[in-house]
Amino acid sequence: MNEIKFDYKMDYILEDETLLLRPLKSDDFEYLLNFSINEPEIWEFNIGGANGRENLLKYINNAINLRRSEKQYPFIIFDKRINKYVGSTRFYNIDLETKTIEVGYTWYGKKYQGTGINKNCKYLMFDFAFDKLGVERIGLGANSKNTQSINAMKGVGCTEEGILRSRSFDQNGKRIDAIILSILKNEWDKIWKKKLKNKTI
């Protein structure tokens, strides 16, 4: 069984004609500040959101430190068509032995939600994980009340696996249930890679 090769020190670039995902850096504060100050509803379902200047600074520093400690790998998302940064996402729980990885901490500015950017972004991340790294399973999760996020995950081929009760907190510190979903390599190869690449969903 071949081992997954993932180098946290390498600056991975995932891109196509529409989007570019590159590693999140400290200087990206200015690109994301507008979302942090003017769109607090983006963060309502999860603890550790980036609402407000101070929280955004903590959010970025924490994400970068988690990359340094080889626990997570955060990206900033750039839309080439409008020449703007539109959100962020990351890989985490990269398990070299079991060939699994998780995708999450994903958010977009409000006007970029429901525009196809998420499907494009997931195509780039899934393609990299399945076809470059060779993983067999990609896991995703969300607050069980976040129906928009759950529907978005199902819309890119993910299957609901179950609920983890009282798993985490929302922005206000209230305990929440988390829904767990996944997509497997054979599902990607047979169905979803072509659909997402050709934008037929």
C-alpha atoms as a PDB file:
ATOM      1  CA  MET A   1       0.000   0.000   0.000  1.00  0.00           C
ATOM      2  CA  ASN A   2       1.501   3.318  -1.127  1.00  0.00           C
ATOM      3  CA  GLU A   3       1.752   6.056   1.466  1.00  0.00           C
ATOM      4  CA  ILE A   4       0.166   9.456   0.936  1.00  0.00           C
ATOM      5  CA  LYS A   5       2.789  12.137   0.428  1.00  0.00           C
ATOM      6  CA  PHE A   6       1.744  15.478   1.873  1.00  0.00           C
ATOM      7  CA  ASP A   7       4.243  18.223   2.609  1.00  0.00           C
ATOM      8  CA  TYR A   8       2.886  20.947   4.896  1.00  0.00           C
ATOM      9  CA  LYS A   9       5.879  23.141   4.051  1.00  0.00           C
ATOM     10  CA  MET A  10       5.110  23.100   0.332  1.00  0.00           C
ATOM     11  CA  ASP A  11       2.937  25.882  -1.088  1.00  0.00           C
ATOM     12  CA  TYR A  12       0.321  23.877  -2.951  1.00  0.00           C
ATOM     13  CA  ILE A  13      -1.592  25.811  -5.616  1.00  0.00           C
ATOM     14  CA  LEU A  14      -4.924  24.405  -6.802  1.00  0.00           C
ATOM     15  CA  GLU A  15      -6.393  26.169  -9.813  1.00  0.00           C
ATOM     16  CA  ASP A  16      -8.330  26.051 -13.046  1.00  0.00           C
ATOM     17  CA  GLU A  17      -9.611  28.749 -15.391  1.00  0.00           C
ATOM     18  CA  THR A  18     -12.018  30.078 -12.736  1.00  0.00           C
ATOM     19  CA  LEU A  19     -10.520  29.729  -9.256  1.00  0.00           C
ATOM     20  CA  LEU A  20      -7.137  29.697  -7.564  1.00  0.00           C
ATOM     21  CA  LEU A  21      -6.580  28.286  -4.088  1.00  0.00           C
ATOM     22  CA  ARG A  22      -3.278  29.147  -2.445  1.00  0.00           C
ATOM     23  CA  PRO A  23      -1.994  28.832   1.137  1.00  0.00           C
ATOM     24  CA  LEU A  24      -3.418  31.368   3.569  1.00  0.00           C
ATOM     25  CA  LYS A  25      -0.857  33.940   4.765  1.00  0.00           C
ATOM     26  CA  SER A  26      -0.764  36.701   7.373  1.00  0.00           C
ATOM     27  CA  ASP A  27      -0.962  39.381   4.673  1.00  0.00           C
ATOM     28  CA  ASP A  28      -4.368  38.047   3.613  1.00  0.00           C
ATOM     29  CA  PHE A  29      -5.950  39.898   6.533  1.00  0.00           C
ATOM     30  CA  GLU A  30      -6.710  42.878   4.299  1.00  0.00           C
ATOM     31  CA  TYR A  31      -8.372  40.720   1.644  1.00  0.00           C
ATOM     32  CA  LEU A  32     -10.777  39.103   4.123  1.00  0.00           C
ATOM     33  CA  LEU A  33     -11.485  42.052   6.421  1.00  0.00           C
ATOM     34  CA  ASN A  34     -14.601  43.192   4.563  1.00  0.00           C
ATOM     35  CA  PHE A  35     -16.274  39.812   5.133  1.00  0.00           C
ATOM     36  CA  SER A  36     -15.233  39.858   8.765  1.00  0.00           C
ATOM     37  CA  ILE A  37     -16.669  43.280   9.541  1.00  0.00           C
ATOM     38  CA  ASN A  38     -19.714  43.472   7.284  1.00  0.00           C
ATOM     39  CA  GLU A  39     -20.995  39.877   7.127  1.00  0.00           C
ATOM     40  CA  PRO A  40     -21.207  38.516  10.701  1.00  0.00           C
ATOM     41  CA  GLU A  41     -23.871  35.973   9.703  1.00  0.00           C
ATOM     42  CA  ILE A  42     -21.189  33.947   7.890  1.00  0.00           C
ATOM     43  CA  TRP A  43     -19.861  32.824  11.262  1.00  0.00           C
ATOM     44  CA  GLU A  44     -23.060  32.153  13.230  1.00  0.00           C
ATOM     45  CA  PHE A  45     -22.946  28.334  13.142  1.00  0.00           C
ATOM     46  CA  ASN A  46     -19.407  27.693  14.346  1.00  0.00           C
ATOM     47  CA  ILE A  47     -17.140  28.607  17.208  1.00  0.00           C
ATOM     48  CA  GLY A  48     -13.898  30.385  16.360  1.00  0.00           C
ATOM     49  CA  GLY A  49     -15.369  32.440  13.538  1.00  0.00           C
ATOM     50  CA  ALA A  50     -13.665  35.487  12.082  1.00  0.00           C
ATOM     51  CA  ASN A  51     -16.303  38.113  12.816  1.00  0.00           C
ATOM     52  CA  GLY A  52     -14.625  41.447  13.567  1.00  0.00           C
ATOM     53  CA  ARG A  53     -11.034  42.610  13.161  1.00  0.00           C
ATOM     54  CA  GLU A  54      -9.687  40.971  16.307  1.00  0.00           C
ATOM     55  CA  ASN A  55     -11.329  37.636  15.618  1.00  0.00           C
ATOM     56  CA  LEU A  56     -10.135  37.666  12.004  1.00  0.00           C
ATOM     57  CA  LEU A  57      -6.566  38.221  13.151  1.00  0.00           C
ATOM     58  CA  LYS A  58      -6.891  35.317  15.608  1.00  0.00           C
ATOM     59  CA  TYR A  59      -8.510  33.167  12.916  1.00  0.00           C
ATOM     60  CA  ILE A  60      -5.679  33.699  10.419  1.00  0.00           C
ATOM     61  CA  ASN A  61      -2.901  33.323  12.984  1.00  0.00           C
ATOM     62  CA  ASN A  62      -4.469  30.138  14.343  1.00  0.00           C
ATOM     63  CA  ALA A  63      -4.841  28.664  10.858  1.00  0.00           C
ATOM     64  CA  ILE A  64      -1.202  29.442  10.003  1.00  0.00           C
ATOM     65  CA  ASN A  65       0.009  27.982  13.301  1.00  0.00           C
ATOM     66  CA  LEU A  66      -1.994  24.800  12.665  1.00  0.00           C
ATOM     67  CA  ARG A  67      -0.224  24.483   9.327  1.00  0.00           C
ATOM     68  CA  ARG A  68       3.158  24.923  11.017  1.00  0.00           C
ATOM     69  CA  SER A  69       2.273  22.192  13.500  1.00  0.00           C
ATOM     70  CA  GLU A  70       1.189  19.965  10.585  1.00  0.00           C
ATOM     71  CA  LYS A  71      -2.414  19.633  11.687  1.00  0.00           C
ATOM     72  CA  GLN A  72      -4.265  21.664   9.066  1.00  0.00           C
ATOM     73  CA  TYR A  73      -3.575  23.242   5.682  1.00  0.00           C
ATOM     74  CA  PRO A  74      -5.581  26.461   5.050  1.00  0.00           C
ATOM     75  CA  PHE A  75      -6.227  28.108   1.693  1.00  0.00           C
ATOM     76  CA  ILE A  76      -7.542  31.466   0.560  1.00  0.00           C
ATOM     77  CA  ILE A  77      -9.873  31.329  -2.461  1.00  0.00           C
ATOM     78  CA  PHE A  78      -9.380  33.726  -5.388  1.00  0.00           C
ATOM     79  CA  ASP A  79     -11.931  34.162  -8.197  1.00  0.00           C
ATOM     80  CA  LYS A  80     -10.040  34.893 -11.412  1.00  0.00           C
ATOM     81  CA  ARG A  81     -13.140  36.146 -13.243  1.00  0.00           C
ATOM     82  CA  ILE A  82     -13.642  39.117 -10.919  1.00  0.00           C
ATOM     83  CA  ASN A  83     -10.072  39.383  -9.631  1.00  0.00           C
ATOM     84  CA  LYS A  84     -11.162  39.131  -5.979  1.00  0.00           C
ATOM     85  CA  TYR A  85     -10.636  36.929  -2.940  1.00  0.00           C
ATOM     86  CA  VAL A  86     -13.960  35.354  -2.005  1.00  0.00           C
ATOM     87  CA  GLY A  87     -13.381  33.054   0.990  1.00  0.00           C
ATOM     88  CA  SER A  88     -11.295  30.370   2.630  1.00  0.00           C
ATOM     89  CA  THR A  89     -11.143  26.588   3.124  1.00  0.00           C
ATOM     90  CA  ARG A  90      -8.715  23.955   4.340  1.00  0.00           C
ATOM     91  CA  PHE A  91      -7.576  20.339   4.520  1.00  0.00           C
ATOM     92  CA  TYR A  92      -7.262  18.744   7.957  1.00  0.00           C
ATOM     93  CA  ASN A  93      -7.033  15.346   9.667  1.00  0.00           C
ATOM     94  CA  ILE A  94      -4.722  14.118   6.917  1.00  0.00           C
ATOM     95  CA  ASP A  95      -4.146  10.467   7.791  1.00  0.00           C
ATOM     96  CA  LEU A  96      -1.316   8.965   5.773  1.00  0.00           C
ATOM     97  CA  GLU A  97      -1.901   5.443   7.010  1.00  0.00           C
ATOM     98  CA  THR A  98      -5.604   5.094   6.311  1.00  0.00           C
ATOM     99  CA  LYS A  99      -5.624   7.309   3.178  1.00  0.00           C
ATOM    100  CA  THR A 100      -8.244   9.688   4.502  1.00  0.00           C
ATOM    101  CA  ILE A 101      -8.489  13.448   4.632  1.00  0.00           C
ATOM    102  CA  GLU A 102     -11.072  16.003   5.698  1.00  0.00           C
ATOM    103  CA  VAL A 103     -12.192  19.202   3.997  1.00  0.00           C
ATOM    104  CA  GLY A 104     -13.777  21.983   5.993  1.00  0.00           C
ATOM    105  CA  TYR A 105     -13.639  25.406   7.635  1.00  0.00           C
ATOM    106  CA  THR A 106     -15.062  26.542   4.303  1.00  0.00           C
ATOM    107  CA  TRP A 107     -16.761  29.892   3.928  1.00  0.00           C
ATOM    108  CA  TYR A 108     -17.512  32.418   1.188  1.00  0.00           C
ATOM    109  CA  GLY A 109     -18.698  36.003   1.136  1.00  0.00           C
ATOM    110  CA  LYS A 110     -22.487  36.204   0.988  1.00  0.00           C
ATOM    111  CA  LYS A 111     -22.772  37.310  -2.629  1.00  0.00           C
ATOM    112  CA  TYR A 112     -20.533  34.449  -3.735  1.00  0.00           C
ATOM    113  CA  GLN A 113     -22.663  31.768  -2.085  1.00  0.00           C
ATOM    114  CA  GLY A 114     -24.879  29.762  -4.432  1.00  0.00           C
ATOM    115  CA  THR A 115     -22.967  30.948  -7.505  1.00  0.00           C
ATOM    116  CA  GLY A 116     -21.151  27.692  -8.314  1.00  0.00           C
ATOM    117  CA  ILE A 117     -17.929  28.748  -6.620  1.00  0.00           C
ATOM    118  CA  ASN A 118     -18.290  26.075  -3.944  1.00  0.00           C
ATOM    119  CA  LYS A 119     -18.684  23.302  -6.534  1.00  0.00           C
ATOM    120  CA  ASN A 120     -15.653  24.619  -8.400  1.00  0.00           C
ATOM    121  CA  CYS A 121     -13.651  24.809  -5.171  1.00  0.00           C
ATOM    122  CA  LYS A 122     -14.642  21.291  -4.122  1.00  0.00           C
ATOM    123  CA  TYR A 123     -13.670  19.982  -7.558  1.00  0.00           C
ATOM    124  CA  LEU A 124     -10.154  21.365  -7.127  1.00  0.00           C
ATOM    125  CA  MET A 125      -9.808  20.016  -3.583  1.00  0.00           C
ATOM    126  CA  PHE A 126     -11.321  16.598  -4.309  1.00  0.00           C
ATOM    127  CA  ASP A 127      -9.257  16.234  -7.479  1.00  0.00           C
ATOM    128  CA  PHE A 128      -6.080  17.002  -5.555  1.00  0.00           C
ATOM    129  CA  ALA A 129      -6.944  14.675  -2.671  1.00  0.00           C
ATOM    130  CA  PHE A 130      -8.149  11.718  -4.722  1.00  0.00           C
ATOM    131  CA  ASP A 131      -6.016  11.963  -7.846  1.00  0.00           C
ATOM    132  CA  LYS A 132      -2.785  13.552  -6.577  1.00  0.00           C
ATOM    133  CA  LEU A 133      -2.570  12.317  -2.991  1.00  0.00           C
ATOM    134  CA  GLY A 134      -4.364   9.031  -3.590  1.00  0.00           C
ATOM    135  CA  VAL A 135      -6.762   9.144  -0.653  1.00  0.00           C
ATOM    136  CA  GLU A 136      -9.739   6.793  -0.501  1.00  0.00           C
ATOM    137  CA  ARG A 137     -12.132   8.882   1.607  1.00  0.00           C
ATOM    138  CA  ILE A 138     -12.795  12.583   2.112  1.00  0.00           C
ATOM    139  CA  GLY A 139     -14.800  13.535   5.193  1.00  0.00           C
ATOM    140  CA  LEU A 140     -16.796  16.713   5.757  1.00  0.00           C
ATOM    141  CA  GLY A 141     -18.945  18.027   8.580  1.00  0.00           C
ATOM    142  CA  ALA A 142     -21.206  20.861   9.672  1.00  0.00           C
ATOM    143  CA  ASN A 143     -23.462  22.156  12.386  1.00  0.00           C
ATOM    144  CA  SER A 144     -26.610  20.025  11.997  1.00  0.00           C
ATOM    145  CA  LYS A 145     -28.692  23.234  11.800  1.00  0.00           C
ATOM    146  CA  ASN A 146     -26.652  24.647   8.922  1.00  0.00           C
ATOM    147  CA  THR A 147     -28.907  23.383   6.137  1.00  0.00           C
ATOM    148  CA  GLN A 148     -27.279  25.567   3.481  1.00  0.00           C
ATOM    149  CA  SER A 149     -23.871  24.019   4.127  1.00  0.00           C
ATOM    150  CA  ILE A 150     -25.295  20.493   4.345  1.00  0.00           C
ATOM    151  CA  ASN A 151     -27.140  20.861   1.039  1.00  0.00           C
ATOM    152  CA  ALA A 152     -23.984  22.252  -0.564  1.00  0.00           C
ATOM    153  CA  MET A 153     -21.997  19.196   0.551  1.00  0.00           C
ATOM    154  CA  LYS A 154     -24.643  16.809  -0.736  1.00  0.00           C
ATOM    155  CA  GLY A 155     -24.646  18.779  -3.993  1.00  0.00           C
ATOM    156  CA  VAL A 156     -21.010  17.843  -4.630  1.00  0.00           C
ATOM    157  CA  GLY A 157     -21.498  14.127  -4.047  1.00  0.00           C
ATOM    158  CA  CYS A 158     -21.225  13.713  -0.283  1.00  0.00           C
ATOM    159  CA  THR A 159     -23.287  11.122   1.564  1.00  0.00           C
ATOM    160  CA  GLU A 160     -24.649  11.720   5.050  1.00  0.00           C
ATOM    161  CA  GLU A 161     -23.192   9.238   7.537  1.00  0.00           C
ATOM    162  CA  GLY A 162     -24.708  10.313  10.838  1.00  0.00           C
ATOM    163  CA  ILE A 163     -24.917  12.795  13.684  1.00  0.00           C
ATOM    164  CA  LEU A 164     -22.380  13.367  16.437  1.00  0.00           C
ATOM    165  CA  ARG A 165     -24.432  14.609  19.358  1.00  0.00           C
ATOM    166  CA  SER A 166     -23.234  17.612  21.370  1.00  0.00           C
ATOM    167  CA  ARG A 167     -20.044  17.625  19.303  1.00  0.00           C
ATOM    168  CA  SER A 168     -19.021  21.290  19.412  1.00  0.00           C
ATOM    169  CA  PHE A 169     -20.212  24.876  19.926  1.00  0.00           C
ATOM    170  CA  ASP A 170     -21.814  27.582  17.835  1.00  0.00           C
ATOM    171  CA  GLN A 171     -20.675  31.211  17.811  1.00  0.00           C
ATOM    172  CA  ASN A 172     -22.584  31.926  21.029  1.00  0.00           C
ATOM    173  CA  GLY A 173     -21.063  29.019  22.935  1.00  0.00           C
ATOM    174  CA  LYS A 174     -24.184  26.839  22.730  1.00  0.00           C
ATOM    175  CA  ARG A 175     -23.510  23.130  22.237  1.00  0.00           C
ATOM    176  CA  ILE A 176     -24.412  21.765  18.813  1.00  0.00           C
ATOM    177  CA  ASP A 177     -24.856  18.444  17.062  1.00  0.00           C
ATOM    178  CA  ALA A 178     -22.563  17.890  14.066  1.00  0.00           C
ATOM    179  CA  ILE A 179     -23.538  16.114  10.864  1.00  0.00           C
ATOM    180  CA  ILE A 180     -20.856  13.952   9.242  1.00  0.00           C
ATOM    181  CA  LEU A 181     -20.676  13.326   5.491  1.00  0.00           C
ATOM    182  CA  SER A 182     -18.160  11.783   3.114  1.00  0.00           C
ATOM    183  CA  ILE A 183     -17.316  11.035  -0.497  1.00  0.00           C
ATOM    184  CA  LEU A 184     -15.343   7.963  -1.534  1.00  0.00           C
ATOM    185  CA  LYS A 185     -12.837   7.547  -4.344  1.00  0.00           C
ATOM    186  CA  ASN A 186     -15.000   5.146  -6.350  1.00  0.00           C
ATOM    187  CA  GLU A 187     -17.908   7.620  -6.185  1.00  0.00           C
ATOM    188  CA  TRP A 188     -15.588  10.377  -7.355  1.00  0.00           C
ATOM    189  CA  ASP A 189     -14.197   8.316 -10.223  1.00  0.00           C
ATOM    190  CA  LYS A 190     -17.545   6.968 -11.452  1.00  0.00           C
ATOM    191  CA  ILE A 191     -19.812   9.988 -11.059  1.00  0.00           C
ATOM    192  CA  TRP A 192     -18.736  13.209  -9.426  1.00  0.00           C
ATOM    193  CA  LYS A 193     -15.393  14.053 -11.005  1.00  0.00           C
ATOM    194  CA  LYS A 194     -16.961  14.415 -14.446  1.00  0.00           C
ATOM    195  CA  LYS A 195     -20.042  16.231 -13.142  1.00  0.00           C
ATOM    196  CA  LEU A 196     -18.063  18.808 -11.197  1.00  0.00           C
ATOM    197  CA  LYS A 197     -15.441  19.295 -13.875  1.00  0.00           C
ATOM    198  CA  ASN A 198     -18.047  19.828 -16.580  1.00  0.00           C
ATOM    199  CA  LYS A 199     -20.264  21.900 -14.273  1.00  0.00           C
ATOM    200  CA  THR A 200     -23.262  19.707 -15.117  1.00  0.00           C
ATOM    201  CA  ILE A 201     -24.828  19.895 -11.650  1.00  0.00           C
END
